[in-house]
Amino acid sequence: MPIDLRQVAAIAGMSGLYRIVKPTRNGVIVESLSDKPTRMVAQARHRMSLLDEISIYTNDEEATVPLADVMDRIHQKYNGELPFGDKPSDEELKSFMSDVLPDYDEDRVYISDMKKLAAWYSIVNQHIGFTADGEAASAESGEEAETEEKAESKAKKTKK
């Protein structure tokens, strides 16, 4: 999967998305994903939802599709440019959703959910970005090679 949403959260009652920086005794330090990022401590009362744990209801037997997969489909279809302006109509949002996820459950996916999806996609695309499949694979293989080199150098040091 080209996008990693494990460290991105939405906080109830607060607009935008937040990157999880590190845990504290009373909660977690988060940084806003915006042009001017700000840090704050999100406590238990803030009710955070990790984007990696959010799914969209569908009519098929799997019942849901992870948000990361839906965002990946949006990126493949529209390449960062959503097909509507800042204030889309309900019909534009429904058309957009059916283009991206044709089998979404129209009874359980509301217009407000579609608006959040479009807003969150814009934020993720701007501040986190998407990587090509080849780039992600080469980055992983590069990390594996680094780990192997470190292990080999440690083994050589212990032999001395």
N, C-alpha and C. Protein backbone atom coordinates (compact mmCIF):
# COMPACT_ATOMS: atom_id res chain seq x y z
N MET A 1 0.85 -1.17 0.00
CA MET A 1 0.00 0.00 0.00
C MET A 1 0.90 1.24 0.00
N PRO A 2 0.70 2.16 -0.92
CA PRO A 2 1.60 3.30 -1.05
C PRO A 2 1.45 4.37 0.02
N ILE A 3 0.41 4.38 0.80
CA ILE A 3 0.27 5.43 1.80
C ILE A 3 0.13 4.81 3.19
N ASP A 4 0.80 5.43 4.15
CA ASP A 4 0.79 4.94 5.51
C ASP A 4 0.04 5.94 6.39
N LEU A 5 -1.11 5.52 6.90
CA LEU A 5 -1.94 6.41 7.70
C LEU A 5 -1.90 6.04 9.19
N ARG A 6 -0.93 5.22 9.61
CA ARG A 6 -0.86 4.78 11.00
C ARG A 6 -0.56 5.92 11.97
N GLN A 7 0.13 6.96 11.53
CA GLN A 7 0.51 8.06 12.42
C GLN A 7 -0.31 9.32 12.16
N VAL A 8 -1.44 9.19 11.46
CA VAL A 8 -2.30 10.34 11.17
C VAL A 8 -3.63 10.13 11.88
N ALA A 9 -4.09 11.18 12.57
CA ALA A 9 -5.32 11.06 13.36
C ALA A 9 -6.25 12.24 13.12
N ALA A 10 -7.53 11.97 13.31
CA ALA A 10 -8.55 13.01 13.34
C ALA A 10 -8.98 13.13 14.79
N ILE A 11 -9.16 14.35 15.27
CA ILE A 11 -9.55 14.57 16.65
C ILE A 11 -10.96 15.16 16.66
N ALA A 12 -11.85 14.53 17.41
CA ALA A 12 -13.25 14.96 17.47
C ALA A 12 -13.34 16.40 17.95
N GLY A 13 -14.13 17.20 17.25
CA GLY A 13 -14.34 18.59 17.63
C GLY A 13 -13.29 19.55 17.11
N MET A 14 -12.28 19.03 16.42
CA MET A 14 -11.22 19.88 15.89
C MET A 14 -11.10 19.63 14.39
N SER A 15 -10.96 20.69 13.62
CA SER A 15 -10.87 20.52 12.18
C SER A 15 -9.47 20.11 11.78
N GLY A 16 -9.35 19.49 10.63
CA GLY A 16 -8.05 19.10 10.11
C GLY A 16 -7.59 17.74 10.61
N LEU A 17 -6.36 17.41 10.23
CA LEU A 17 -5.75 16.15 10.62
C LEU A 17 -4.47 16.44 11.40
N TYR A 18 -4.05 15.44 12.16
CA TYR A 18 -2.88 15.61 13.03
C TYR A 18 -1.94 14.42 12.89
N ARG A 19 -0.64 14.70 12.90
CA ARG A 19 0.38 13.65 12.89
C ARG A 19 0.76 13.38 14.34
N ILE A 20 0.80 12.10 14.70
CA ILE A 20 1.19 11.72 16.05
C ILE A 20 2.70 11.79 16.15
N VAL A 21 3.21 12.59 17.09
CA VAL A 21 4.64 12.79 17.25
C VAL A 21 5.21 11.77 18.22
N LYS A 22 4.71 11.78 19.48
CA LYS A 22 5.17 10.80 20.46
C LYS A 22 4.22 10.78 21.65
N PRO A 23 4.22 9.67 22.40
CA PRO A 23 3.33 9.58 23.56
C PRO A 23 3.90 10.32 24.76
N THR A 24 3.01 10.75 25.64
CA THR A 24 3.39 11.36 26.92
C THR A 24 2.65 10.60 28.02
N ARG A 25 2.86 11.01 29.26
CA ARG A 25 2.16 10.36 30.36
C ARG A 25 0.66 10.62 30.31
N ASN A 26 0.26 11.78 29.85
CA ASN A 26 -1.15 12.18 29.87
C ASN A 26 -1.86 12.04 28.53
N GLY A 27 -1.19 11.64 27.48
CA GLY A 27 -1.80 11.54 26.16
C GLY A 27 -0.73 11.37 25.11
N VAL A 28 -0.90 12.06 23.99
CA VAL A 28 0.10 12.03 22.92
C VAL A 28 0.32 13.44 22.39
N ILE A 29 1.54 13.70 21.95
CA ILE A 29 1.83 14.98 21.31
C ILE A 29 1.48 14.83 19.85
N VAL A 30 0.66 15.76 19.35
CA VAL A 30 0.26 15.75 17.95
C VAL A 30 0.66 17.06 17.29
N GLU A 31 0.87 17.01 15.99
CA GLU A 31 1.23 18.18 15.20
C GLU A 31 0.22 18.32 14.08
N SER A 32 -0.34 19.50 13.93
CA SER A 32 -1.36 19.70 12.89
C SER A 32 -0.73 19.59 11.51
N LEU A 33 -1.48 19.01 10.59
CA LEU A 33 -1.05 18.93 9.20
C LEU A 33 -1.63 20.15 8.50
N SER A 34 -0.90 21.22 8.54
CA SER A 34 -1.33 22.46 7.92
C SER A 34 -0.10 23.23 7.45
N ASP A 35 -0.33 24.36 6.82
CA ASP A 35 0.79 25.17 6.33
C ASP A 35 1.64 25.70 7.49
N LYS A 36 1.00 25.99 8.61
CA LYS A 36 1.73 26.41 9.82
C LYS A 36 1.45 25.39 10.92
N PRO A 37 2.23 24.30 10.97
CA PRO A 37 1.96 23.25 11.95
C PRO A 37 2.13 23.72 13.39
N THR A 38 1.21 23.32 14.23
CA THR A 38 1.29 23.61 15.65
C THR A 38 1.22 22.29 16.41
N ARG A 39 1.88 22.26 17.57
CA ARG A 39 1.89 21.05 18.39
C ARG A 39 1.02 21.27 19.62
N MET A 40 0.42 20.18 20.08
CA MET A 40 -0.39 20.20 21.29
C MET A 40 -0.40 18.81 21.89
N VAL A 41 -0.84 18.70 23.12
CA VAL A 41 -1.00 17.40 23.76
C VAL A 41 -2.47 17.01 23.64
N ALA A 42 -2.71 15.88 23.00
CA ALA A 42 -4.08 15.37 22.90
C ALA A 42 -4.29 14.39 24.04
N GLN A 43 -5.26 14.68 24.87
CA GLN A 43 -5.54 13.83 26.02
C GLN A 43 -6.69 12.89 25.71
N ALA A 44 -7.01 12.03 26.65
CA ALA A 44 -8.07 11.02 26.44
C ALA A 44 -9.41 11.67 26.12
N ARG A 45 -9.66 12.84 26.66
CA ARG A 45 -10.96 13.50 26.42
C ARG A 45 -11.11 13.98 24.97
N HIS A 46 -10.03 14.00 24.20
CA HIS A 46 -10.08 14.51 22.84
C HIS A 46 -10.64 13.50 21.83
N ARG A 47 -10.74 12.25 22.16
CA ARG A 47 -11.28 11.21 21.27
C ARG A 47 -10.64 11.24 19.88
N MET A 48 -9.49 10.64 19.79
CA MET A 48 -8.76 10.58 18.52
C MET A 48 -9.13 9.32 17.76
N SER A 49 -9.15 9.44 16.44
CA SER A 49 -9.35 8.29 15.56
C SER A 49 -8.19 8.23 14.59
N LEU A 50 -7.46 7.12 14.57
CA LEU A 50 -6.39 6.96 13.60
C LEU A 50 -7.00 6.67 12.24
N LEU A 51 -6.52 7.33 11.20
CA LEU A 51 -7.07 7.14 9.87
C LEU A 51 -6.86 5.71 9.38
N ASP A 52 -5.84 5.06 9.89
CA ASP A 52 -5.55 3.68 9.50
C ASP A 52 -6.66 2.72 9.95
N GLU A 53 -7.43 3.10 10.96
CA GLU A 53 -8.48 2.24 11.51
C GLU A 53 -9.86 2.56 10.95
N ILE A 54 -9.97 3.55 10.08
CA ILE A 54 -11.26 3.96 9.53
C ILE A 54 -11.50 3.26 8.21
N SER A 55 -12.74 2.80 8.01
CA SER A 55 -13.14 2.12 6.77
C SER A 55 -14.43 2.73 6.26
N ILE A 56 -14.74 2.45 5.00
CA ILE A 56 -15.97 2.94 4.38
C ILE A 56 -16.85 1.74 4.06
N TYR A 57 -18.13 1.84 4.42
CA TYR A 57 -19.08 0.75 4.20
C TYR A 57 -19.31 0.51 2.72
N THR A 58 -19.40 -0.78 2.36
CA THR A 58 -19.73 -1.17 0.99
C THR A 58 -20.87 -2.18 1.01
N ASN A 59 -21.40 -2.49 -0.17
CA ASN A 59 -22.49 -3.45 -0.28
C ASN A 59 -22.02 -4.88 -0.52
N ASP A 60 -20.72 -5.09 -0.72
CA ASP A 60 -20.23 -6.44 -1.01
C ASP A 60 -20.04 -7.24 0.27
N GLU A 61 -19.57 -8.49 0.12
CA GLU A 61 -19.44 -9.39 1.26
C GLU A 61 -18.35 -8.97 2.25
N GLU A 62 -17.36 -8.18 1.84
CA GLU A 62 -16.33 -7.72 2.76
C GLU A 62 -16.87 -6.66 3.73
N ALA A 63 -17.91 -5.96 3.36
CA ALA A 63 -18.63 -4.98 4.17
C ALA A 63 -17.93 -3.63 4.32
N THR A 64 -16.59 -3.56 4.32
CA THR A 64 -15.91 -2.27 4.41
C THR A 64 -14.63 -2.28 3.57
N VAL A 65 -14.18 -1.07 3.21
CA VAL A 65 -12.91 -0.88 2.50
C VAL A 65 -12.09 0.11 3.33
N PRO A 66 -10.84 -0.22 3.66
CA PRO A 66 -10.01 0.69 4.47
C PRO A 66 -9.85 2.06 3.79
N LEU A 67 -9.78 3.10 4.61
CA LEU A 67 -9.65 4.47 4.12
C LEU A 67 -8.40 4.63 3.26
N ALA A 68 -7.31 3.97 3.63
CA ALA A 68 -6.07 4.08 2.85
C ALA A 68 -6.27 3.57 1.43
N ASP A 69 -7.03 2.49 1.27
CA ASP A 69 -7.31 1.96 -0.07
C ASP A 69 -8.17 2.93 -0.88
N VAL A 70 -9.14 3.55 -0.22
CA VAL A 70 -10.01 4.52 -0.91
C VAL A 70 -9.19 5.73 -1.35
N MET A 71 -8.32 6.22 -0.46
CA MET A 71 -7.47 7.37 -0.82
C MET A 71 -6.52 7.00 -1.96
N ASP A 72 -6.04 5.78 -1.96
CA ASP A 72 -5.17 5.33 -3.04
C ASP A 72 -5.94 5.30 -4.36
N ARG A 73 -7.18 4.85 -4.33
CA ARG A 73 -8.03 4.85 -5.54
C ARG A 73 -8.26 6.28 -6.04
N ILE A 74 -8.52 7.20 -5.10
CA ILE A 74 -8.72 8.61 -5.49
C ILE A 74 -7.46 9.14 -6.16
N HIS A 75 -6.31 8.83 -5.58
CA HIS A 75 -5.05 9.32 -6.13
C HIS A 75 -4.79 8.73 -7.52
N GLN A 76 -5.08 7.46 -7.70
CA GLN A 76 -4.88 6.84 -9.02
C GLN A 76 -5.83 7.42 -10.06
N LYS A 77 -7.07 7.70 -9.65
CA LYS A 77 -8.06 8.19 -10.60
C LYS A 77 -7.89 9.68 -10.92
N TYR A 78 -7.61 10.50 -9.91
CA TYR A 78 -7.58 11.94 -10.10
C TYR A 78 -6.20 12.57 -9.96
N ASN A 79 -5.23 11.82 -9.50
CA ASN A 79 -3.83 12.27 -9.37
C ASN A 79 -3.70 13.59 -8.62
N GLY A 80 -4.36 13.69 -7.47
CA GLY A 80 -4.20 14.87 -6.62
C GLY A 80 -5.17 16.00 -6.87
N GLU A 81 -5.86 16.01 -7.98
CA GLU A 81 -6.81 17.08 -8.30
C GLU A 81 -8.24 16.55 -8.21
N LEU A 82 -8.97 16.96 -7.17
CA LEU A 82 -10.35 16.51 -7.02
C LEU A 82 -11.23 17.16 -8.09
N PRO A 83 -12.27 16.45 -8.54
CA PRO A 83 -13.08 16.93 -9.67
C PRO A 83 -14.09 18.01 -9.32
N PHE A 84 -13.95 18.67 -8.18
CA PHE A 84 -14.89 19.72 -7.80
C PHE A 84 -14.16 20.81 -7.02
N GLY A 85 -14.84 21.91 -6.77
CA GLY A 85 -14.24 23.05 -6.09
C GLY A 85 -14.29 22.92 -4.58
N ASP A 86 -14.19 24.05 -3.90
CA ASP A 86 -14.16 24.07 -2.44
C ASP A 86 -15.51 23.71 -1.81
N LYS A 87 -16.59 24.09 -2.44
CA LYS A 87 -17.92 23.84 -1.90
C LYS A 87 -18.73 22.99 -2.89
N PRO A 88 -18.48 21.67 -2.92
CA PRO A 88 -19.20 20.82 -3.88
C PRO A 88 -20.65 20.60 -3.47
N SER A 89 -21.49 20.39 -4.46
CA SER A 89 -22.90 20.08 -4.17
C SER A 89 -23.00 18.61 -3.75
N ASP A 90 -24.16 18.26 -3.21
CA ASP A 90 -24.38 16.88 -2.78
C ASP A 90 -24.28 15.92 -3.96
N GLU A 91 -24.80 16.33 -5.10
CA GLU A 91 -24.76 15.46 -6.29
C GLU A 91 -23.33 15.25 -6.78
N GLU A 92 -22.51 16.30 -6.71
CA GLU A 92 -21.10 16.15 -7.10
C GLU A 92 -20.38 15.17 -6.18
N LEU A 93 -20.68 15.25 -4.89
CA LEU A 93 -20.04 14.35 -3.94
C LEU A 93 -20.48 12.90 -4.16
N LYS A 94 -21.78 12.70 -4.43
CA LYS A 94 -22.27 11.34 -4.68
C LYS A 94 -21.66 10.77 -5.96
N SER A 95 -21.54 11.60 -6.98
CA SER A 95 -20.92 11.16 -8.24
C SER A 95 -19.45 10.81 -8.01
N PHE A 96 -18.75 11.66 -7.27
CA PHE A 96 -17.35 11.42 -6.94
C PHE A 96 -17.19 10.10 -6.19
N MET A 97 -18.05 9.87 -5.20
CA MET A 97 -17.96 8.66 -4.39
C MET A 97 -18.25 7.42 -5.23
N SER A 98 -19.22 7.49 -6.11
CA SER A 98 -19.53 6.32 -6.93
C SER A 98 -18.45 6.06 -7.98
N ASP A 99 -17.72 7.10 -8.41
CA ASP A 99 -16.59 6.90 -9.32
C ASP A 99 -15.44 6.19 -8.62
N VAL A 100 -15.18 6.58 -7.38
CA VAL A 100 -14.05 6.04 -6.62
C VAL A 100 -14.37 4.67 -6.04
N LEU A 101 -15.55 4.54 -5.46
CA LEU A 101 -15.96 3.30 -4.80
C LEU A 101 -17.39 2.98 -5.24
N PRO A 102 -17.55 2.33 -6.41
CA PRO A 102 -18.88 2.13 -6.98
C PRO A 102 -19.85 1.35 -6.09
N ASP A 103 -19.35 0.48 -5.23
CA ASP A 103 -20.23 -0.34 -4.42
C ASP A 103 -20.37 0.18 -2.98
N TYR A 104 -20.15 1.50 -2.76
CA TYR A 104 -20.31 2.03 -1.40
C TYR A 104 -21.78 1.95 -0.98
N ASP A 105 -22.00 1.79 0.32
CA ASP A 105 -23.34 1.66 0.86
C ASP A 105 -23.97 3.04 0.99
N GLU A 106 -24.93 3.34 0.13
CA GLU A 106 -25.54 4.66 0.09
C GLU A 106 -26.37 4.97 1.34
N ASP A 107 -26.79 3.92 2.06
CA ASP A 107 -27.58 4.14 3.28
C ASP A 107 -26.72 4.49 4.49
N ARG A 108 -25.47 3.99 4.51
CA ARG A 108 -24.62 4.21 5.70
C ARG A 108 -23.48 5.19 5.47
N VAL A 109 -23.21 5.58 4.22
CA VAL A 109 -22.18 6.59 3.94
C VAL A 109 -22.91 7.90 3.63
N TYR A 110 -22.80 8.84 4.55
CA TYR A 110 -23.53 10.10 4.44
C TYR A 110 -22.74 11.14 3.66
N ILE A 111 -23.43 12.21 3.28
CA ILE A 111 -22.78 13.32 2.57
C ILE A 111 -21.67 13.91 3.43
N SER A 112 -21.89 14.01 4.74
CA SER A 112 -20.85 14.55 5.64
C SER A 112 -19.60 13.67 5.60
N ASP A 113 -19.78 12.36 5.46
CA ASP A 113 -18.63 11.45 5.35
C ASP A 113 -17.86 11.71 4.06
N MET A 114 -18.59 11.96 2.98
CA MET A 114 -17.96 12.24 1.69
C MET A 114 -17.18 13.55 1.74
N LYS A 115 -17.74 14.56 2.42
CA LYS A 115 -17.05 15.84 2.57
C LYS A 115 -15.76 15.65 3.36
N LYS A 116 -15.82 14.85 4.45
CA LYS A 116 -14.62 14.57 5.24
C LYS A 116 -13.58 13.84 4.39
N LEU A 117 -14.02 12.87 3.62
CA LEU A 117 -13.10 12.11 2.77
C LEU A 117 -12.37 13.04 1.81
N ALA A 118 -13.11 13.93 1.16
CA ALA A 118 -12.49 14.87 0.21
C ALA A 118 -11.52 15.81 0.92
N ALA A 119 -11.92 16.33 2.08
CA ALA A 119 -11.05 17.24 2.84
C ALA A 119 -9.81 16.52 3.33
N TRP A 120 -9.99 15.32 3.87
CA TRP A 120 -8.86 14.54 4.38
C TRP A 120 -7.91 14.15 3.26
N TYR A 121 -8.47 13.79 2.10
CA TYR A 121 -7.61 13.44 0.96
C TYR A 121 -6.74 14.64 0.57
N SER A 122 -7.33 15.82 0.53
CA SER A 122 -6.57 17.02 0.16
C SER A 122 -5.43 17.28 1.15
N ILE A 123 -5.72 17.12 2.44
CA ILE A 123 -4.70 17.34 3.47
C ILE A 123 -3.59 16.30 3.35
N VAL A 124 -3.96 15.04 3.23
CA VAL A 124 -2.97 13.97 3.13
C VAL A 124 -2.13 14.14 1.87
N ASN A 125 -2.76 14.47 0.77
CA ASN A 125 -2.03 14.65 -0.49
C ASN A 125 -1.04 15.81 -0.39
N GLN A 126 -1.42 16.88 0.27
CA GLN A 126 -0.56 18.06 0.38
C GLN A 126 0.57 17.87 1.39
N HIS A 127 0.29 17.27 2.54
CA HIS A 127 1.26 17.25 3.63
C HIS A 127 1.98 15.92 3.84
N ILE A 128 1.41 14.83 3.38
CA ILE A 128 2.07 13.53 3.53
C ILE A 128 2.53 13.04 2.18
N GLY A 129 1.65 13.11 1.20
CA GLY A 129 2.00 12.71 -0.15
C GLY A 129 1.86 11.21 -0.38
N PHE A 130 1.80 10.86 -1.62
CA PHE A 130 1.68 9.48 -2.04
C PHE A 130 2.98 9.09 -2.72
N THR A 131 3.41 7.85 -2.54
CA THR A 131 4.61 7.36 -3.23
C THR A 131 4.20 6.34 -4.27
N ALA A 132 4.97 6.26 -5.33
CA ALA A 132 4.71 5.26 -6.36
C ALA A 132 5.05 3.89 -5.79
N ASP A 133 4.43 2.83 -6.32
CA ASP A 133 4.68 1.48 -5.82
C ASP A 133 6.15 1.11 -5.92
N GLY A 134 6.79 1.48 -6.98
CA GLY A 134 8.21 1.17 -7.18
C GLY A 134 9.08 1.88 -6.15
N GLU A 135 8.74 3.14 -5.85
CA GLU A 135 9.50 3.90 -4.86
C GLU A 135 9.37 3.29 -3.48
N ALA A 136 8.17 2.85 -3.13
CA ALA A 136 7.95 2.24 -1.82
C ALA A 136 8.72 0.93 -1.71
N ALA A 137 8.71 0.14 -2.76
CA ALA A 137 9.43 -1.14 -2.74
C ALA A 137 10.93 -0.92 -2.65
N SER A 138 11.45 0.07 -3.40
CA SER A 138 12.89 0.32 -3.35
C SER A 138 13.30 0.89 -1.99
N ALA A 139 12.44 1.67 -1.37
CA ALA A 139 12.75 2.21 -0.04
C ALA A 139 12.80 1.08 0.99
N GLU A 140 11.85 0.14 0.88
CA GLU A 140 11.85 -1.00 1.80
C GLU A 140 13.08 -1.86 1.61
N SER A 141 13.46 -2.12 0.34
CA SER A 141 14.64 -2.96 0.10
C SER A 141 15.90 -2.23 0.55
N GLY A 142 15.93 -0.90 0.44
CA GLY A 142 17.07 -0.12 0.91
C GLY A 142 17.19 -0.20 2.42
N GLU A 143 16.05 -0.17 3.13
CA GLU A 143 16.07 -0.29 4.58
C GLU A 143 16.56 -1.68 5.00
N GLU A 144 16.13 -2.72 4.26
CA GLU A 144 16.57 -4.08 4.57
C GLU A 144 18.06 -4.21 4.37
N ALA A 145 18.60 -3.62 3.31
CA ALA A 145 20.03 -3.68 3.05
C ALA A 145 20.82 -2.98 4.15
N GLU A 146 20.31 -1.83 4.61
CA GLU A 146 20.97 -1.10 5.71
C GLU A 146 21.00 -1.95 6.98
N THR A 147 19.88 -2.60 7.27
CA THR A 147 19.80 -3.45 8.46
C THR A 147 20.79 -4.60 8.38
N GLU A 148 20.90 -5.22 7.20
CA GLU A 148 21.85 -6.32 7.00
C GLU A 148 23.28 -5.83 7.17
N GLU A 149 23.59 -4.64 6.62
CA GLU A 149 24.94 -4.09 6.74
C GLU A 149 25.29 -3.81 8.21
N LYS A 150 24.34 -3.28 8.96
CA LYS A 150 24.57 -3.00 10.38
C LYS A 150 24.82 -4.30 11.14
N ALA A 151 24.04 -5.33 10.83
CA ALA A 151 24.21 -6.62 11.50
C ALA A 151 25.58 -7.21 11.19
N GLU A 152 26.01 -7.11 9.93
CA GLU A 152 27.32 -7.63 9.53
C GLU A 152 28.45 -6.87 10.24
N SER A 153 28.33 -5.54 10.32
CA SER A 153 29.39 -4.76 10.98
C SER A 153 29.43 -5.06 12.48
N LYS A 154 28.28 -5.29 13.09
CA LYS A 154 28.25 -5.67 14.51
C LYS A 154 28.93 -7.01 14.71
N ALA A 155 28.66 -7.96 13.80
CA ALA A 155 29.25 -9.29 13.90
C ALA A 155 30.77 -9.19 13.77
N LYS A 156 31.27 -8.35 12.87
CA LYS A 156 32.71 -8.18 12.69
C LYS A 156 33.34 -7.57 13.94
N LYS A 157 32.66 -6.60 14.56
CA LYS A 157 33.19 -5.95 15.77
C LYS A 157 33.26 -6.94 16.92
N THR A 158 32.28 -7.81 17.05
CA THR A 158 32.29 -8.77 18.16
C THR A 158 33.35 -9.85 17.96
N LYS A 159 33.71 -10.15 16.71
CA LYS A 159 34.74 -11.14 16.42
C LYS A 159 36.12 -10.60 16.84
N LYS A 160 36.33 -9.30 16.73
CA LYS A 160 37.62 -8.69 17.06
C LYS A 160 37.81 -8.76 18.52
